[in-house]
Amino acid sequence: MSKLLFSIILFSIYTTAWADKPFIVDSKTNVMDIIQNLTKQPKMRGYRDLGGIAEDEPPKVAALIHFKFDSATILPESKSILDKFGKALQSDELANSVLMIAGHTDNTGSNIYNLSLSYQRAEAVKNYLLTQHELTEQRLVIRAYGEDQPIETNDTEQGRTLNRRVEFIRID
């Protein structure tokens, strides 16, 4: 196998494996980081795009929002993160944006249960942003994914913690 072909295959595997991993917001993230990561950027053209047209990929930002166990009640320590999202969505850069709030869980529990729980949690985040930051309901759409889109392994507690998240995906 030629070095060029090997490089193309390796690059394709690498970009495919990490292409959907969102920017992860935690308590140290600031509002400008959220704005920047929710601003549409042109897709990077790489080897797997040869002969194709580069398209914009929807920006994804994951928030590690903590909830009471087995519940959709947002814990107080996560409200500061949601407040940063609220401020970002009120900024000039994102004032007219429409976002999907996608709920995700780890694989603890049944698939049906996790799907329902992820929907309830996404809905709780939406309701928090609507009431606390006076956003219009038309700007926020919710979707539940349950355990179907992990970003890390569910074999470790750290991986499960990262998989229990809410993603904000710009869809306008």
C-alpha atoms as a PDB file:
ATOM      1  CA  MET A   1       0.000   0.000   0.000  1.00  0.00           C
ATOM      2  CA  SER A   2       1.396   3.396  -0.901  1.00  0.00           C
ATOM      3  CA  LYS A   3       2.139   5.960   1.792  1.00  0.00           C
ATOM      4  CA  LEU A   4      -0.380   8.380   0.259  1.00  0.00           C
ATOM      5  CA  LEU A   5      -3.198   5.825   0.273  1.00  0.00           C
ATOM      6  CA  PHE A   6      -2.346   4.820   3.851  1.00  0.00           C
ATOM      7  CA  SER A   7      -2.378   8.501   4.896  1.00  0.00           C
ATOM      8  CA  ILE A   8      -5.761   9.037   3.240  1.00  0.00           C
ATOM      9  CA  ILE A   9      -7.252   5.993   4.997  1.00  0.00           C
ATOM     10  CA  LEU A  10      -5.771   7.005   8.365  1.00  0.00           C
ATOM     11  CA  PHE A  11      -7.018  10.604   7.991  1.00  0.00           C
ATOM     12  CA  SER A  12     -10.489   9.373   7.015  1.00  0.00           C
ATOM     13  CA  ILE A  13     -10.700   7.091  10.059  1.00  0.00           C
ATOM     14  CA  TYR A  14      -9.476   9.862  12.360  1.00  0.00           C
ATOM     15  CA  THR A  15     -11.907  12.507  11.080  1.00  0.00           C
ATOM     16  CA  THR A  16     -14.822  10.071  11.093  1.00  0.00           C
ATOM     17  CA  ALA A  17     -14.149   9.001  14.665  1.00  0.00           C
ATOM     18  CA  TRP A  18     -14.024  12.535  16.052  1.00  0.00           C
ATOM     19  CA  ALA A  19     -16.233  14.503  13.630  1.00  0.00           C
ATOM     20  CA  ASP A  20     -19.342  14.362  15.808  1.00  0.00           C
ATOM     21  CA  LYS A  21     -17.703  15.016  19.168  1.00  0.00           C
ATOM     22  CA  PRO A  22     -19.101  18.332  20.405  1.00  0.00           C
ATOM     23  CA  PHE A  23     -17.391  21.129  22.276  1.00  0.00           C
ATOM     24  CA  ILE A  24     -18.091  20.350  25.957  1.00  0.00           C
ATOM     25  CA  VAL A  25     -19.122  23.174  28.272  1.00  0.00           C
ATOM     26  CA  ASP A  26     -18.405  22.986  31.984  1.00  0.00           C
ATOM     27  CA  SER A  27     -18.323  25.524  34.815  1.00  0.00           C
ATOM     28  CA  LYS A  28     -15.023  27.003  33.540  1.00  0.00           C
ATOM     29  CA  THR A  29     -16.387  27.798  30.060  1.00  0.00           C
ATOM     30  CA  ASN A  30     -17.302  31.420  29.368  1.00  0.00           C
ATOM     31  CA  VAL A  31     -20.151  32.906  27.302  1.00  0.00           C
ATOM     32  CA  MET A  32     -17.856  33.882  24.405  1.00  0.00           C
ATOM     33  CA  ASP A  33     -16.691  30.254  24.072  1.00  0.00           C
ATOM     34  CA  ILE A  34     -20.319  29.162  23.725  1.00  0.00           C
ATOM     35  CA  ILE A  35     -21.061  31.884  21.154  1.00  0.00           C
ATOM     36  CA  GLN A  36     -17.975  30.979  19.132  1.00  0.00           C
ATOM     37  CA  ASN A  37     -18.786  27.273  19.131  1.00  0.00           C
ATOM     38  CA  LEU A  38     -22.430  27.827  18.144  1.00  0.00           C
ATOM     39  CA  THR A  39     -21.481  30.132  15.276  1.00  0.00           C
ATOM     40  CA  LYS A  40     -21.628  28.369  11.932  1.00  0.00           C
ATOM     41  CA  GLN A  41     -18.202  27.620  10.491  1.00  0.00           C
ATOM     42  CA  PRO A  42     -17.446  26.203   7.049  1.00  0.00           C
ATOM     43  CA  LYS A  43     -16.630  22.510   7.086  1.00  0.00           C
ATOM     44  CA  MET A  44     -12.945  21.717   6.800  1.00  0.00           C
ATOM     45  CA  ARG A  45     -12.209  20.135   3.446  1.00  0.00           C
ATOM     46  CA  GLY A  46     -10.116  16.999   3.812  1.00  0.00           C
ATOM     47  CA  TYR A  47      -9.131  13.937   1.849  1.00  0.00           C
ATOM     48  CA  ARG A  48     -12.561  12.350   2.201  1.00  0.00           C
ATOM     49  CA  ASP A  49     -14.106  15.459   0.631  1.00  0.00           C
ATOM     50  CA  LEU A  50     -12.133  15.236  -2.619  1.00  0.00           C
ATOM     51  CA  GLY A  51     -14.486  15.702  -5.541  1.00  0.00           C
ATOM     52  CA  GLY A  52     -17.319  16.837  -3.269  1.00  0.00           C
ATOM     53  CA  ILE A  53     -18.668  20.133  -2.140  1.00  0.00           C
ATOM     54  CA  ALA A  54     -17.872  21.231   1.388  1.00  0.00           C
ATOM     55  CA  GLU A  55     -21.037  21.804   3.403  1.00  0.00           C
ATOM     56  CA  ASP A  56     -21.579  23.582   6.676  1.00  0.00           C
ATOM     57  CA  GLU A  57     -21.903  21.190   9.590  1.00  0.00           C
ATOM     58  CA  PRO A  58     -24.321  22.212  12.321  1.00  0.00           C
ATOM     59  CA  PRO A  59     -22.374  23.449  15.345  1.00  0.00           C
ATOM     60  CA  LYS A  60     -22.767  21.257  18.441  1.00  0.00           C
ATOM     61  CA  VAL A  61     -22.076  22.251  22.012  1.00  0.00           C
ATOM     62  CA  ALA A  62     -22.589  19.752  24.832  1.00  0.00           C
ATOM     63  CA  ALA A  63     -23.441  20.875  28.334  1.00  0.00           C
ATOM     64  CA  LEU A  64     -22.808  18.555  31.249  1.00  0.00           C
ATOM     65  CA  ILE A  65     -26.000  19.448  33.083  1.00  0.00           C
ATOM     66  CA  HIS A  66     -26.491  17.518  36.301  1.00  0.00           C
ATOM     67  CA  PHE A  67     -29.907  16.297  37.377  1.00  0.00           C
ATOM     68  CA  LYS A  68     -31.241  14.617  40.485  1.00  0.00           C
ATOM     69  CA  PHE A  69     -30.828  10.850  40.185  1.00  0.00           C
ATOM     70  CA  ASP A  70     -33.564   9.231  38.132  1.00  0.00           C
ATOM     71  CA  SER A  71     -35.149  12.649  37.603  1.00  0.00           C
ATOM     72  CA  ALA A  72     -35.363  15.637  35.277  1.00  0.00           C
ATOM     73  CA  THR A  73     -34.835  18.121  38.122  1.00  0.00           C
ATOM     74  CA  ILE A  74     -31.827  20.312  37.299  1.00  0.00           C
ATOM     75  CA  LEU A  75     -29.351  20.525  40.175  1.00  0.00           C
ATOM     76  CA  PRO A  76     -28.418  24.039  41.368  1.00  0.00           C
ATOM     77  CA  GLU A  77     -24.755  23.722  40.301  1.00  0.00           C
ATOM     78  CA  SER A  78     -25.836  23.299  36.668  1.00  0.00           C
ATOM     79  CA  LYS A  79     -27.934  26.443  36.547  1.00  0.00           C
ATOM     80  CA  SER A  80     -24.852  28.650  36.153  1.00  0.00           C
ATOM     81  CA  ILE A  81     -23.951  26.705  32.990  1.00  0.00           C
ATOM     82  CA  LEU A  82     -27.480  27.144  31.629  1.00  0.00           C
ATOM     83  CA  ASP A  83     -27.311  30.847  32.486  1.00  0.00           C
ATOM     84  CA  LYS A  84     -24.233  31.125  30.268  1.00  0.00           C
ATOM     85  CA  PHE A  85     -26.206  29.501  27.424  1.00  0.00           C
ATOM     86  CA  GLY A  86     -29.061  31.925  28.059  1.00  0.00           C
ATOM     87  CA  LYS A  87     -26.701  34.909  27.798  1.00  0.00           C
ATOM     88  CA  ALA A  88     -25.101  33.469  24.672  1.00  0.00           C
ATOM     89  CA  LEU A  89     -28.505  33.003  23.018  1.00  0.00           C
ATOM     90  CA  GLN A  90     -29.376  36.631  23.801  1.00  0.00           C
ATOM     91  CA  SER A  91     -26.149  37.895  22.198  1.00  0.00           C
ATOM     92  CA  ASP A  92     -26.163  39.719  18.866  1.00  0.00           C
ATOM     93  CA  GLU A  93     -24.339  36.806  17.225  1.00  0.00           C
ATOM     94  CA  LEU A  94     -26.982  34.238  18.197  1.00  0.00           C
ATOM     95  CA  ALA A  95     -30.077  36.444  18.601  1.00  0.00           C
ATOM     96  CA  ASN A  96     -31.896  34.867  15.644  1.00  0.00           C
ATOM     97  CA  SER A  97     -30.544  31.332  15.952  1.00  0.00           C
ATOM     98  CA  VAL A  98     -32.697  28.241  16.381  1.00  0.00           C
ATOM     99  CA  LEU A  99     -31.276  25.415  18.471  1.00  0.00           C
ATOM    100  CA  MET A 100     -32.153  21.815  19.051  1.00  0.00           C
ATOM    101  CA  ILE A 101     -31.754  20.744  22.650  1.00  0.00           C
ATOM    102  CA  ALA A 102     -30.816  17.083  22.418  1.00  0.00           C
ATOM    103  CA  GLY A 103     -31.053  14.950  25.546  1.00  0.00           C
ATOM    104  CA  HIS A 104     -28.639  12.043  26.036  1.00  0.00           C
ATOM    105  CA  THR A 105     -28.128   9.421  28.753  1.00  0.00           C
ATOM    106  CA  ASP A 106     -25.648   6.697  29.557  1.00  0.00           C
ATOM    107  CA  ASN A 107     -26.636   3.057  29.091  1.00  0.00           C
ATOM    108  CA  THR A 108     -27.754   2.449  32.682  1.00  0.00           C
ATOM    109  CA  GLY A 109     -31.380   1.312  32.551  1.00  0.00           C
ATOM    110  CA  SER A 110     -33.500   0.167  29.624  1.00  0.00           C
ATOM    111  CA  ASN A 111     -33.370   1.821  26.225  1.00  0.00           C
ATOM    112  CA  ILE A 112     -37.036   2.917  26.466  1.00  0.00           C
ATOM    113  CA  TYR A 113     -36.535   4.335  29.947  1.00  0.00           C
ATOM    114  CA  ASN A 114     -33.424   6.259  28.864  1.00  0.00           C
ATOM    115  CA  LEU A 115     -35.238   7.669  25.839  1.00  0.00           C
ATOM    116  CA  SER A 116     -38.028   8.984  28.064  1.00  0.00           C
ATOM    117  CA  LEU A 117     -35.585  10.361  30.644  1.00  0.00           C
ATOM    118  CA  SER A 118     -33.497  12.125  27.996  1.00  0.00           C
ATOM    119  CA  TYR A 119     -36.671  13.767  26.622  1.00  0.00           C
ATOM    120  CA  GLN A 120     -37.725  14.943  30.092  1.00  0.00           C
ATOM    121  CA  ARG A 121     -34.282  16.365  30.770  1.00  0.00           C
ATOM    122  CA  ALA A 122     -34.118  18.190  27.423  1.00  0.00           C
ATOM    123  CA  GLU A 123     -37.571  19.598  28.163  1.00  0.00           C
ATOM    124  CA  ALA A 124     -36.432  20.742  31.628  1.00  0.00           C
ATOM    125  CA  VAL A 125     -33.467  22.580  30.064  1.00  0.00           C
ATOM    126  CA  LYS A 126     -35.752  24.219  27.487  1.00  0.00           C
ATOM    127  CA  ASN A 127     -38.212  25.317  30.180  1.00  0.00           C
ATOM    128  CA  TYR A 128     -35.390  26.740  32.291  1.00  0.00           C
ATOM    129  CA  LEU A 129     -34.081  28.811  29.369  1.00  0.00           C
ATOM    130  CA  LEU A 130     -37.584  30.006  28.457  1.00  0.00           C
ATOM    131  CA  THR A 131     -38.469  31.125  31.978  1.00  0.00           C
ATOM    132  CA  GLN A 132     -35.107  32.444  33.170  1.00  0.00           C
ATOM    133  CA  HIS A 133     -33.867  34.078  29.958  1.00  0.00           C
ATOM    134  CA  GLU A 134     -37.078  35.073  28.179  1.00  0.00           C
ATOM    135  CA  LEU A 135     -36.262  33.248  24.965  1.00  0.00           C
ATOM    136  CA  THR A 136     -39.066  32.508  22.534  1.00  0.00           C
ATOM    137  CA  GLU A 137     -40.271  28.935  22.311  1.00  0.00           C
ATOM    138  CA  GLN A 138     -39.778  28.898  18.520  1.00  0.00           C
ATOM    139  CA  ARG A 139     -36.005  29.147  19.008  1.00  0.00           C
ATOM    140  CA  LEU A 140     -35.705  25.935  21.003  1.00  0.00           C
ATOM    141  CA  VAL A 141     -36.658  22.481  19.751  1.00  0.00           C
ATOM    142  CA  ILE A 142     -36.151  19.349  21.832  1.00  0.00           C
ATOM    143  CA  ARG A 143     -35.158  15.855  20.808  1.00  0.00           C
ATOM    144  CA  ALA A 144     -34.400  12.743  22.831  1.00  0.00           C
ATOM    145  CA  TYR A 145     -31.645  10.300  21.939  1.00  0.00           C
ATOM    146  CA  GLY A 146     -31.447   8.248  25.127  1.00  0.00           C
ATOM    147  CA  GLU A 147     -28.325   6.093  25.141  1.00  0.00           C
ATOM    148  CA  ASP A 148     -27.989   5.849  21.334  1.00  0.00           C
ATOM    149  CA  GLN A 149     -25.251   8.476  20.758  1.00  0.00           C
ATOM    150  CA  PRO A 150     -22.508   8.097  23.349  1.00  0.00           C
ATOM    151  CA  ILE A 151     -19.440  10.291  22.999  1.00  0.00           C
ATOM    152  CA  GLU A 152     -17.383   8.109  25.354  1.00  0.00           C
ATOM    153  CA  THR A 153     -17.411   4.538  26.554  1.00  0.00           C
ATOM    154  CA  ASN A 154     -20.119   3.475  28.999  1.00  0.00           C
ATOM    155  CA  ASP A 155     -17.640   1.062  30.607  1.00  0.00           C
ATOM    156  CA  THR A 156     -16.305   3.663  33.043  1.00  0.00           C
ATOM    157  CA  GLU A 157     -17.976   6.143  35.405  1.00  0.00           C
ATOM    158  CA  GLN A 158     -16.145   9.018  33.678  1.00  0.00           C
ATOM    159  CA  GLY A 159     -17.461   7.898  30.288  1.00  0.00           C
ATOM    160  CA  ARG A 160     -21.011   7.509  31.606  1.00  0.00           C
ATOM    161  CA  THR A 161     -20.810  10.991  33.136  1.00  0.00           C
ATOM    162  CA  LEU A 162     -19.854  12.498  29.750  1.00  0.00           C
ATOM    163  CA  ASN A 163     -22.646  10.591  28.025  1.00  0.00           C
ATOM    164  CA  ARG A 164     -25.253  12.066  30.408  1.00  0.00           C
ATOM    165  CA  ARG A 165     -25.450  15.402  28.663  1.00  0.00           C
ATOM    166  CA  VAL A 166     -27.587  17.876  26.815  1.00  0.00           C
ATOM    167  CA  GLU A 167     -26.355  19.087  23.426  1.00  0.00           C
ATOM    168  CA  PHE A 168     -27.247  22.361  21.805  1.00  0.00           C
ATOM    169  CA  ILE A 169     -27.217  21.983  18.019  1.00  0.00           C
ATOM    170  CA  ARG A 170     -27.760  25.001  15.829  1.00  0.00           C
ATOM    171  CA  ILE A 171     -30.351  24.144  13.186  1.00  0.00           C
ATOM    172  CA  ASP A 172     -31.233  27.469  11.554  1.00  0.00           C
END
